């Protein structure tokens, strides 16, 4: 079994999605400058975008003892 450190981005994304519901997204959205995107490549032609407000990133880092981004 791979560890978090040895798993690829695609393997980690697949695991995350398998634990959560995937639902229809919004058609159009506007975001403030305090929203950050993380784009993860899926193979050669596809991507996944994770979008978080800076407050949410801070809270996640505090809860997981992560380093601030």
PDB file of N, CA and C in Angstrom:
ATOM      1  N   UNK A   1       0.842  -1.185   0.000  1.00  0.00           N
ATOM      2  CA  UNK A   1       0.000   0.000   0.000  1.00  0.00           C
ATOM      3  C   UNK A   1       0.881   1.241   0.000  1.00  0.00           C
ATOM      4  N   UNK A   2       0.515   2.201  -0.822  1.00  0.00           N
ATOM      5  CA  UNK A   2       1.285   3.434  -0.898  1.00  0.00           C
ATOM      6  C   UNK A   2       0.959   4.344   0.280  1.00  0.00           C
ATOM      7  N   UNK A   3       1.916   5.160   0.638  1.00  0.00           N
ATOM      8  CA  UNK A   3       1.694   6.151   1.685  1.00  0.00           C
ATOM      9  C   UNK A   3       1.291   7.468   1.023  1.00  0.00           C
ATOM     10  N   UNK A   4       0.880   8.427   1.814  1.00  0.00           N
ATOM     11  CA  UNK A   4       0.553   9.740   1.269  1.00  0.00           C
ATOM     12  C   UNK A   4       1.727  10.327   0.503  1.00  0.00           C
ATOM     13  N   UNK A   5       2.927  10.085   1.001  1.00  0.00           N
ATOM     14  CA  UNK A   5       4.118  10.649   0.381  1.00  0.00           C
ATOM     15  C   UNK A   5       4.441  10.009  -0.963  1.00  0.00           C
ATOM     16  N   UNK A   6       4.082   8.732  -1.148  1.00  0.00           N
ATOM     17  CA  UNK A   6       4.445   8.036  -2.381  1.00  0.00           C
ATOM     18  C   UNK A   6       3.304   7.963  -3.394  1.00  0.00           C
ATOM     19  N   UNK A   7       2.084   8.268  -2.985  1.00  0.00           N
ATOM     20  CA  UNK A   7       0.940   8.241  -3.898  1.00  0.00           C
ATOM     21  C   UNK A   7       1.031   9.414  -4.874  1.00  0.00           C
ATOM     22  N   UNK A   8       0.595   9.182  -6.100  1.00  0.00           N
ATOM     23  CA  UNK A   8       0.580  10.257  -7.098  1.00  0.00           C
ATOM     24  C   UNK A   8      -0.591  11.198  -6.838  1.00  0.00           C
ATOM     25  N   UNK A   9      -0.548  12.370  -7.451  1.00  0.00           N
ATOM     26  CA  UNK A   9      -1.667  13.314  -7.328  1.00  0.00           C
ATOM     27  C   UNK A   9      -2.963  12.666  -7.804  1.00  0.00           C
ATOM     28  N   UNK A  10      -2.906  11.914  -8.911  1.00  0.00           N
ATOM     29  CA  UNK A  10      -4.112  11.265  -9.431  1.00  0.00           C
ATOM     30  C   UNK A  10      -4.639  10.218  -8.459  1.00  0.00           C
ATOM     31  N   UNK A  11      -3.761   9.463  -7.814  1.00  0.00           N
ATOM     32  CA  UNK A  11      -4.203   8.463  -6.834  1.00  0.00           C
ATOM     33  C   UNK A  11      -4.844   9.136  -5.621  1.00  0.00           C
ATOM     34  N   UNK A  12      -4.247  10.218  -5.153  1.00  0.00           N
ATOM     35  CA  UNK A  12      -4.815  10.949  -4.020  1.00  0.00           C
ATOM     36  C   UNK A  12      -6.165  11.558  -4.383  1.00  0.00           C
ATOM     37  N   UNK A  13      -6.274  12.131  -5.579  1.00  0.00           N
ATOM     38  CA  UNK A  13      -7.540  12.713  -6.029  1.00  0.00           C
ATOM     39  C   UNK A  13      -8.606  11.632  -6.154  1.00  0.00           C
ATOM     40  N   UNK A  14      -8.249  10.499  -6.702  1.00  0.00           N
ATOM     41  CA  UNK A  14      -9.198   9.393  -6.843  1.00  0.00           C
ATOM     42  C   UNK A  14      -9.710   8.938  -5.484  1.00  0.00           C
ATOM     43  N   UNK A  15      -8.824   8.829  -4.514  1.00  0.00           N
ATOM     44  CA  UNK A  15      -9.228   8.440  -3.156  1.00  0.00           C
ATOM     45  C   UNK A  15     -10.164   9.477  -2.545  1.00  0.00           C
ATOM     46  N   UNK A  16      -9.824  10.752  -2.690  1.00  0.00           N
ATOM     47  CA  UNK A  16     -10.656  11.828  -2.156  1.00  0.00           C
ATOM     48  C   UNK A  16     -12.053  11.786  -2.769  1.00  0.00           C
ATOM     49  N   UNK A  17     -12.125  11.611  -4.076  1.00  0.00           N
ATOM     50  CA  UNK A  17     -13.428  11.571  -4.745  1.00  0.00           C
ATOM     51  C   UNK A  17     -14.228  10.333  -4.365  1.00  0.00           C
ATOM     52  N   UNK A  18     -13.554   9.219  -4.104  1.00  0.00           N
ATOM     53  CA  UNK A  18     -14.273   8.001  -3.728  1.00  0.00           C
ATOM     54  C   UNK A  18     -14.922   8.126  -2.357  1.00  0.00           C
ATOM     55  N   UNK A  19     -14.427   9.059  -1.543  1.00  0.00           N
ATOM     56  CA  UNK A  19     -14.972   9.252  -0.193  1.00  0.00           C
ATOM     57  C   UNK A  19     -16.066  10.320  -0.131  1.00  0.00           C
ATOM     58  N   UNK A  20     -16.283  11.034  -1.227  1.00  0.00           N
ATOM     59  CA  UNK A  20     -17.218  12.168  -1.221  1.00  0.00           C
ATOM     60  C   UNK A  20     -18.147  12.110  -2.414  1.00  0.00           C
ATOM     61  N   UNK A  21     -19.275  12.800  -2.302  1.00  0.00           N
ATOM     62  CA  UNK A  21     -20.235  12.859  -3.396  1.00  0.00           C
ATOM     63  C   UNK A  21     -19.739  13.817  -4.477  1.00  0.00           C
ATOM     64  N   UNK A  22     -19.933  13.411  -5.721  1.00  0.00           N
ATOM     65  CA  UNK A  22     -19.659  14.289  -6.852  1.00  0.00           C
ATOM     66  C   UNK A  22     -21.012  14.728  -7.380  1.00  0.00           C
ATOM     67  N   UNK A  23     -21.250  16.043  -7.405  1.00  0.00           N
ATOM     68  CA  UNK A  23     -22.542  16.581  -7.793  1.00  0.00           C
ATOM     69  C   UNK A  23     -22.391  17.568  -8.936  1.00  0.00           C
ATOM     70  N   UNK A  24     -23.500  17.887  -9.570  1.00  0.00           N
ATOM     71  CA  UNK A  24     -23.515  18.879 -10.643  1.00  0.00           C
ATOM     72  C   UNK A  24     -22.995  20.197 -10.112  1.00  0.00           C
ATOM     73  N   UNK A  25     -22.054  20.800 -10.815  1.00  0.00           N
ATOM     74  CA  UNK A  25     -21.501  22.088 -10.411  1.00  0.00           C
ATOM     75  C   UNK A  25     -22.339  23.248 -10.895  1.00  0.00           C
ATOM     76  N   UNK A  26     -21.938  24.439 -10.488  1.00  0.00           N
ATOM     77  CA  UNK A  26     -22.649  25.640 -10.915  1.00  0.00           C
ATOM     78  C   UNK A  26     -22.330  25.950 -12.377  1.00  0.00           C
ATOM     79  N   UNK A  27     -23.211  26.699 -13.008  1.00  0.00           N
ATOM     80  CA  UNK A  27     -23.013  27.081 -14.402  1.00  0.00           C
ATOM     81  C   UNK A  27     -22.063  28.260 -14.498  1.00  0.00           C
ATOM     82  N   UNK A  28     -22.180  29.188 -13.554  1.00  0.00           N
ATOM     83  CA  UNK A  28     -21.346  30.386 -13.583  1.00  0.00           C
ATOM     84  C   UNK A  28     -21.098  30.862 -12.160  1.00  0.00           C
ATOM     85  N   UNK A  29     -19.879  31.304 -11.891  1.00  0.00           N
ATOM     86  CA  UNK A  29     -19.531  31.795 -10.558  1.00  0.00           C
ATOM     87  C   UNK A  29     -18.541  32.936 -10.667  1.00  0.00           C
ATOM     88  N   UNK A  30     -18.571  33.818  -9.679  1.00  0.00           N
ATOM     89  CA  UNK A  30     -17.609  34.898  -9.564  1.00  0.00           C
ATOM     90  C   UNK A  30     -16.944  34.768  -8.204  1.00  0.00           C
ATOM     91  N   UNK A  31     -15.615  34.889  -8.184  1.00  0.00           N
ATOM     92  CA  UNK A  31     -14.863  34.680  -6.948  1.00  0.00           C
ATOM     93  C   UNK A  31     -14.070  35.929  -6.594  1.00  0.00           C
ATOM     94  N   UNK A  32     -13.869  36.128  -5.295  1.00  0.00           N
ATOM     95  CA  UNK A  32     -13.070  37.258  -4.832  1.00  0.00           C
ATOM     96  C   UNK A  32     -11.588  36.930  -4.953  1.00  0.00           C
ATOM     97  N   UNK A  33     -10.755  37.917  -4.710  1.00  0.00           N
ATOM     98  CA  UNK A  33      -9.305  37.719  -4.822  1.00  0.00           C
ATOM     99  C   UNK A  33      -8.742  36.856  -3.699  1.00  0.00           C
ATOM    100  N   UNK A  34      -9.556  36.521  -2.705  1.00  0.00           N
ATOM    101  CA  UNK A  34      -9.074  35.682  -1.609  1.00  0.00           C
ATOM    102  C   UNK A  34      -9.377  34.199  -1.835  1.00  0.00           C
ATOM    103  N   UNK A  35      -9.797  33.840  -3.035  1.00  0.00           N
ATOM    104  CA  UNK A  35     -10.029  32.444  -3.391  1.00  0.00           C
ATOM    105  C   UNK A  35      -8.807  31.938  -4.162  1.00  0.00           C
ATOM    106  N   UNK A  36      -8.360  30.737  -3.821  1.00  0.00           N
ATOM    107  CA  UNK A  36      -7.189  30.140  -4.448  1.00  0.00           C
ATOM    108  C   UNK A  36      -7.579  28.844  -5.152  1.00  0.00           C
ATOM    109  N   UNK A  37      -6.955  28.590  -6.299  1.00  0.00           N
ATOM    110  CA  UNK A  37      -7.187  27.378  -7.072  1.00  0.00           C
ATOM    111  C   UNK A  37      -5.965  26.484  -7.035  1.00  0.00           C
ATOM    112  N   UNK A  38      -6.210  25.193  -7.006  1.00  0.00           N
ATOM    113  CA  UNK A  38      -5.166  24.192  -7.170  1.00  0.00           C
ATOM    114  C   UNK A  38      -5.618  23.313  -8.332  1.00  0.00           C
ATOM    115  N   UNK A  39      -4.848  23.279  -9.410  1.00  0.00           N
ATOM    116  CA  UNK A  39      -5.207  22.498 -10.590  1.00  0.00           C
ATOM    117  C   UNK A  39      -4.329  21.249 -10.620  1.00  0.00           C
ATOM    118  N   UNK A  40      -4.981  20.095 -10.711  1.00  0.00           N
ATOM    119  CA  UNK A  40      -4.300  18.806 -10.705  1.00  0.00           C
ATOM    120  C   UNK A  40      -4.471  18.163 -12.076  1.00  0.00           C
ATOM    121  N   UNK A  41      -3.358  17.796 -12.697  1.00  0.00           N
ATOM    122  CA  UNK A  41      -3.415  17.142 -13.994  1.00  0.00           C
ATOM    123  C   UNK A  41      -3.939  15.722 -13.876  1.00  0.00           C
ATOM    124  N   UNK A  42      -4.799  15.353 -14.825  1.00  0.00           N
ATOM    125  CA  UNK A  42      -5.323  13.991 -14.916  1.00  0.00           C
ATOM    126  C   UNK A  42      -4.939  13.494 -16.307  1.00  0.00           C
ATOM    127  N   UNK A  43      -3.877  12.731 -16.359  1.00  0.00           N
ATOM    128  CA  UNK A  43      -3.384  12.282 -17.660  1.00  0.00           C
ATOM    129  C   UNK A  43      -2.854  13.447 -18.465  1.00  0.00           C
ATOM    130  N   UNK A  44      -2.876  13.305 -19.790  1.00  0.00           N
ATOM    131  CA  UNK A  44      -2.329  14.341 -20.666  1.00  0.00           C
ATOM    132  C   UNK A  44      -3.312  15.444 -21.023  1.00  0.00           C
ATOM    133  N   UNK A  45      -4.607  15.181 -20.935  1.00  0.00           N
ATOM    134  CA  UNK A  45      -5.580  16.118 -21.491  1.00  0.00           C
ATOM    135  C   UNK A  45      -6.647  16.625 -20.534  1.00  0.00           C
ATOM    136  N   UNK A  46      -6.598  16.253 -19.265  1.00  0.00           N
ATOM    137  CA  UNK A  46      -7.676  16.625 -18.347  1.00  0.00           C
ATOM    138  C   UNK A  46      -7.108  17.197 -17.061  1.00  0.00           C
ATOM    139  N   UNK A  47      -7.943  17.956 -16.357  1.00  0.00           N
ATOM    140  CA  UNK A  47      -7.536  18.538 -15.080  1.00  0.00           C
ATOM    141  C   UNK A  47      -8.701  18.515 -14.103  1.00  0.00           C
ATOM    142  N   UNK A  48      -8.377  18.631 -12.822  1.00  0.00           N
ATOM    143  CA  UNK A  48      -9.356  18.823 -11.756  1.00  0.00           C
ATOM    144  C   UNK A  48      -8.950  20.104 -11.030  1.00  0.00           C
ATOM    145  N   UNK A  49      -9.921  20.889 -10.640  1.00  0.00           N
ATOM    146  CA  UNK A  49      -9.641  22.132  -9.931  1.00  0.00           C
ATOM    147  C   UNK A  49     -10.232  22.057  -8.533  1.00  0.00           C
ATOM    148  N   UNK A  50      -9.404  22.347  -7.552  1.00  0.00           N
ATOM    149  CA  UNK A  50      -9.865  22.466  -6.170  1.00  0.00           C
ATOM    150  C   UNK A  50      -9.803  23.946  -5.833  1.00  0.00           C
ATOM    151  N   UNK A  51     -10.921  24.516  -5.412  1.00  0.00           N
ATOM    152  CA  UNK A  51     -11.024  25.949  -5.154  1.00  0.00           C
ATOM    153  C   UNK A  51     -11.333  26.170  -3.688  1.00  0.00           C
ATOM    154  N   UNK A  52     -10.484  26.940  -2.997  1.00  0.00           N
ATOM    155  CA  UNK A  52     -10.659  27.198  -1.571  1.00  0.00           C
ATOM    156  C   UNK A  52     -10.440  28.672  -1.256  1.00  0.00           C
ATOM    157  N   UNK A  53     -11.236  29.177  -0.342  1.00  0.00           N
ATOM    158  CA  UNK A  53     -11.021  30.522   0.191  1.00  0.00           C
ATOM    159  C   UNK A  53      -9.790  30.473   1.095  1.00  0.00           C
ATOM    160  N   UNK A  54      -9.045  31.555   1.186  1.00  0.00           N
ATOM    161  CA  UNK A  54      -7.831  31.571   2.007  1.00  0.00           C
ATOM    162  C   UNK A  54      -8.128  31.229   3.468  1.00  0.00           C
ATOM    163  N   UNK A  55      -9.300  31.616   3.976  1.00  0.00           N
ATOM    164  CA  UNK A  55      -9.684  31.255   5.349  1.00  0.00           C
ATOM    165  C   UNK A  55      -9.805  29.736   5.500  1.00  0.00           C
ATOM    166  N   UNK A  56     -10.328  29.077   4.458  1.00  0.00           N
ATOM    167  CA  UNK A  56     -10.481  27.624   4.496  1.00  0.00           C
ATOM    168  C   UNK A  56      -9.123  26.924   4.436  1.00  0.00           C
ATOM    169  N   UNK A  57      -8.204  27.463   3.659  1.00  0.00           N
ATOM    170  CA  UNK A  57      -6.853  26.906   3.595  1.00  0.00           C
ATOM    171  C   UNK A  57      -6.183  27.020   4.960  1.00  0.00           C
ATOM    172  N   UNK A  58      -6.353  28.175   5.577  1.00  0.00           N
ATOM    173  CA  UNK A  58      -5.779  28.401   6.912  1.00  0.00           C
ATOM    174  C   UNK A  58      -6.359  27.418   7.933  1.00  0.00           C
ATOM    175  N   UNK A  59      -7.673  27.238   7.903  1.00  0.00           N
ATOM    176  CA  UNK A  59      -8.328  26.308   8.835  1.00  0.00           C
ATOM    177  C   UNK A  59      -7.856  24.880   8.585  1.00  0.00           C
ATOM    178  N   UNK A  60      -7.747  24.477   7.325  1.00  0.00           N
ATOM    179  CA  UNK A  60      -7.272  23.143   6.988  1.00  0.00           C
ATOM    180  C   UNK A  60      -5.849  22.935   7.498  1.00  0.00           C
ATOM    181  N   UNK A  61      -4.999  23.907   7.292  1.00  0.00           N
ATOM    182  CA  UNK A  61      -3.615  23.806   7.759  1.00  0.00           C
ATOM    183  C   UNK A  61      -3.544  23.675   9.282  1.00  0.00           C
ATOM    184  N   UNK A  62      -4.371  24.428   9.980  1.00  0.00           N
ATOM    185  CA  UNK A  62      -4.383  24.348  11.447  1.00  0.00           C
ATOM    186  C   UNK A  62      -4.863  22.977  11.923  1.00  0.00           C
ATOM    187  N   UNK A  63      -5.888  22.441  11.259  1.00  0.00           N
ATOM    188  CA  UNK A  63      -6.458  21.155  11.667  1.00  0.00           C
ATOM    189  C   UNK A  63      -5.543  19.981  11.328  1.00  0.00           C
ATOM    190  N   UNK A  64      -4.702  20.137  10.315  1.00  0.00           N
ATOM    191  CA  UNK A  64      -3.840  19.029   9.894  1.00  0.00           C
ATOM    192  C   UNK A  64      -2.367  19.299  10.195  1.00  0.00           C
ATOM    193  N   UNK A  65      -2.085  20.355  10.939  1.00  0.00           N
ATOM    194  CA  UNK A  65      -0.705  20.766  11.255  1.00  0.00           C
ATOM    195  C   UNK A  65       0.114  21.015  10.002  1.00  0.00           C
ATOM    196  N   UNK A  66      -0.563  21.449   8.937  1.00  0.00           N
ATOM    197  CA  UNK A  66       0.120  21.742   7.681  1.00  0.00           C
ATOM    198  C   UNK A  66       0.795  23.094   7.719  1.00  0.00           C
ATOM    199  N   UNK A  67       1.660  23.305   6.776  1.00  0.00           N
ATOM    200  CA  UNK A  67       2.348  24.584   6.652  1.00  0.00           C
ATOM    201  C   UNK A  67       1.479  25.556   5.866  1.00  0.00           C
ATOM    202  N   UNK A  68       1.419  26.819   6.273  1.00  0.00           N
ATOM    203  CA  UNK A  68       0.661  27.822   5.519  1.00  0.00           C
ATOM    204  C   UNK A  68       1.173  27.921   4.089  1.00  0.00           C
ATOM    205  N   UNK A  69       0.255  28.139   3.169  1.00  0.00           N
ATOM    206  CA  UNK A  69       0.608  28.267   1.751  1.00  0.00           C
ATOM    207  C   UNK A  69       0.846  29.712   1.391  1.00  0.00           C
TER     208      UNK A  69
END
